[in-house]
């Protein structure tokens, strides 16, 4: 009886370790995706601003 409890505890420790590692990997991937999305958003905003400036210059020159 005690052997099974100890064995189950051991299994739970292993599972907990695997889940902790998986959680850390997923957290790192989420941070990378968030950074990538922010970079894309900033790039898109810069392009929009440049397009607006170009459009404004074209309108003034016409």
N, C-alpha and C. Protein backbone atom coordinates (compact mmCIF):
# COMPACT_ATOMS: atom_id res chain seq x y z
N UNK A 1 0.82 -1.20 0.00
CA UNK A 1 0.00 0.00 0.00
C UNK A 1 0.86 1.26 0.00
N UNK A 2 1.83 1.31 0.90
CA UNK A 2 2.69 2.49 0.98
C UNK A 2 3.55 2.63 -0.27
N UNK A 3 3.93 1.49 -0.82
CA UNK A 3 4.75 1.52 -2.03
C UNK A 3 4.00 2.21 -3.17
N UNK A 4 2.72 1.88 -3.31
CA UNK A 4 1.92 2.48 -4.38
C UNK A 4 1.78 3.99 -4.18
N UNK A 5 1.59 4.41 -2.93
CA UNK A 5 1.46 5.85 -2.65
C UNK A 5 2.76 6.56 -3.02
N UNK A 6 3.90 6.00 -2.63
CA UNK A 6 5.18 6.60 -2.96
C UNK A 6 5.40 6.63 -4.47
N UNK A 7 4.99 5.55 -5.13
CA UNK A 7 5.12 5.48 -6.58
C UNK A 7 4.25 6.55 -7.25
N UNK A 8 3.03 6.73 -6.74
CA UNK A 8 2.14 7.74 -7.30
C UNK A 8 2.70 9.14 -7.06
N UNK A 9 3.28 9.36 -5.88
CA UNK A 9 3.90 10.66 -5.59
C UNK A 9 5.03 10.93 -6.58
N UNK A 10 5.82 9.90 -6.84
CA UNK A 10 6.93 10.03 -7.78
C UNK A 10 6.41 10.38 -9.17
N UNK A 11 5.37 9.67 -9.59
CA UNK A 11 4.77 9.94 -10.90
C UNK A 11 4.24 11.37 -10.96
N UNK A 12 3.60 11.81 -9.88
CA UNK A 12 3.06 13.17 -9.85
C UNK A 12 4.17 14.22 -9.91
N UNK A 13 5.29 13.94 -9.25
CA UNK A 13 6.42 14.86 -9.32
C UNK A 13 6.96 14.96 -10.75
N UNK A 14 7.03 13.83 -11.42
CA UNK A 14 7.50 13.82 -12.81
C UNK A 14 6.53 14.59 -13.70
N UNK A 15 5.24 14.32 -13.54
CA UNK A 15 4.22 15.01 -14.34
C UNK A 15 4.27 16.51 -14.06
N UNK A 16 4.41 16.87 -12.80
CA UNK A 16 4.48 18.28 -12.42
C UNK A 16 5.69 18.96 -13.06
N UNK A 17 6.82 18.25 -13.08
CA UNK A 17 8.02 18.79 -13.71
C UNK A 17 7.83 19.00 -15.20
N UNK A 18 7.23 18.02 -15.86
CA UNK A 18 6.97 18.13 -17.30
C UNK A 18 6.03 19.30 -17.59
N UNK A 19 4.98 19.44 -16.78
CA UNK A 19 4.04 20.54 -16.97
C UNK A 19 4.70 21.89 -16.73
N UNK A 20 5.59 21.96 -15.75
CA UNK A 20 6.30 23.21 -15.48
C UNK A 20 7.17 23.61 -16.67
N UNK A 21 7.88 22.63 -17.23
CA UNK A 21 8.73 22.90 -18.39
C UNK A 21 7.87 23.32 -19.58
N UNK A 22 6.77 22.60 -19.81
CA UNK A 22 5.86 22.94 -20.91
C UNK A 22 5.30 24.34 -20.74
N UNK A 23 4.92 24.68 -19.52
CA UNK A 23 4.38 26.00 -19.22
C UNK A 23 5.42 27.08 -19.53
N UNK A 24 6.66 26.85 -19.15
CA UNK A 24 7.73 27.82 -19.41
C UNK A 24 7.95 28.00 -20.91
N UNK A 25 7.95 26.90 -21.65
CA UNK A 25 8.13 26.97 -23.10
C UNK A 25 6.99 27.76 -23.73
N UNK A 26 5.76 27.47 -23.32
CA UNK A 26 4.59 28.18 -23.86
C UNK A 26 4.64 29.67 -23.51
N UNK A 27 5.09 30.00 -22.31
CA UNK A 27 5.21 31.39 -21.90
C UNK A 27 6.23 32.12 -22.79
N UNK A 28 7.36 31.48 -23.04
CA UNK A 28 8.38 32.08 -23.90
C UNK A 28 7.85 32.29 -25.31
N UNK A 29 7.14 31.30 -25.84
CA UNK A 29 6.57 31.43 -27.19
C UNK A 29 5.54 32.55 -27.24
N UNK A 30 4.72 32.67 -26.20
CA UNK A 30 3.72 33.74 -26.14
C UNK A 30 4.39 35.11 -26.11
N UNK A 31 5.48 35.23 -25.36
CA UNK A 31 6.21 36.50 -25.31
C UNK A 31 6.80 36.84 -26.68
N UNK A 32 7.36 35.84 -27.36
CA UNK A 32 7.92 36.08 -28.69
C UNK A 32 6.83 36.51 -29.67
N UNK A 33 5.67 35.84 -29.61
CA UNK A 33 4.56 36.21 -30.50
C UNK A 33 4.05 37.61 -30.20
N UNK A 34 3.96 37.95 -28.93
CA UNK A 34 3.50 39.29 -28.55
C UNK A 34 4.47 40.34 -29.07
N UNK A 35 5.77 40.08 -28.94
CA UNK A 35 6.78 41.01 -29.44
C UNK A 35 6.69 41.13 -30.95
N UNK A 36 6.54 40.00 -31.62
CA UNK A 36 6.43 40.00 -33.08
C UNK A 36 5.20 40.79 -33.53
N UNK A 37 4.07 40.56 -32.86
CA UNK A 37 2.85 41.29 -33.20
C UNK A 37 3.00 42.78 -32.97
N UNK A 38 3.66 43.16 -31.87
CA UNK A 38 3.90 44.59 -31.60
C UNK A 38 4.78 45.19 -32.69
N UNK A 39 5.81 44.47 -33.09
CA UNK A 39 6.70 44.96 -34.14
C UNK A 39 5.94 45.13 -35.45
N UNK A 40 5.09 44.16 -35.78
CA UNK A 40 4.29 44.26 -37.01
C UNK A 40 3.32 45.43 -36.92
N UNK A 41 2.71 45.62 -35.76
CA UNK A 41 1.77 46.71 -35.56
C UNK A 41 2.49 48.05 -35.71
N UNK A 42 3.68 48.17 -35.09
CA UNK A 42 4.45 49.41 -35.21
C UNK A 42 4.84 49.66 -36.66
N UNK A 43 5.26 48.61 -37.35
CA UNK A 43 5.65 48.76 -38.76
C UNK A 43 4.44 49.20 -39.58
N UNK A 44 3.28 48.63 -39.31
CA UNK A 44 2.06 49.01 -40.01
C UNK A 44 1.69 50.45 -39.73
N UNK A 45 1.86 50.88 -38.49
CA UNK A 45 1.54 52.26 -38.13
C UNK A 45 2.50 53.22 -38.81
N UNK A 46 3.77 52.83 -38.88
CA UNK A 46 4.75 53.69 -39.56
C UNK A 46 4.42 53.81 -41.03
N UNK A 47 4.04 52.69 -41.66
CA UNK A 47 3.69 52.73 -43.08
C UNK A 47 2.46 53.60 -43.29
N UNK A 48 1.49 53.49 -42.41
CA UNK A 48 0.28 54.30 -42.53
C UNK A 48 0.63 55.77 -42.41
N UNK A 49 1.51 56.11 -41.48
CA UNK A 49 1.93 57.50 -41.30
C UNK A 49 2.66 58.00 -42.54
N UNK A 50 3.55 57.17 -43.07
CA UNK A 50 4.29 57.55 -44.28
C UNK A 50 3.33 57.75 -45.44
N UNK A 51 2.35 56.85 -45.58
CA UNK A 51 1.36 56.98 -46.65
C UNK A 51 0.55 58.26 -46.49
N UNK A 52 0.19 58.59 -45.26
CA UNK A 52 -0.57 59.82 -45.01
C UNK A 52 0.27 61.04 -45.38
N UNK A 53 1.54 61.01 -45.00
CA UNK A 53 2.43 62.13 -45.32
C UNK A 53 2.56 62.26 -46.83
N UNK A 54 2.80 61.14 -47.51
CA UNK A 54 2.91 61.17 -48.97
C UNK A 54 1.62 61.67 -49.59
N UNK A 55 0.49 61.20 -49.08
CA UNK A 55 -0.81 61.64 -49.60
C UNK A 55 -1.00 63.13 -49.38
N UNK A 56 -0.58 63.63 -48.22
CA UNK A 56 -0.69 65.06 -47.92
C UNK A 56 0.18 65.88 -48.84
N UNK A 57 1.37 65.39 -49.13
CA UNK A 57 2.29 66.10 -50.03
C UNK A 57 1.70 66.13 -51.44
N UNK A 58 1.15 65.01 -51.89
CA UNK A 58 0.54 64.95 -53.22
C UNK A 58 -0.63 65.93 -53.32
N UNK A 59 -1.46 65.96 -52.28
CA UNK A 59 -2.62 66.86 -52.29
C UNK A 59 -2.19 68.32 -52.32
N UNK A 60 -1.14 68.66 -51.61
CA UNK A 60 -0.66 70.05 -51.59
C UNK A 60 -0.06 70.44 -52.93
N UNK A 61 0.60 69.49 -53.59
CA UNK A 61 1.26 69.81 -54.86
C UNK A 61 0.27 69.90 -56.01
N UNK A 62 -0.91 69.35 -55.83
CA UNK A 62 -1.89 69.38 -56.93
C UNK A 62 -2.57 70.66 -56.98
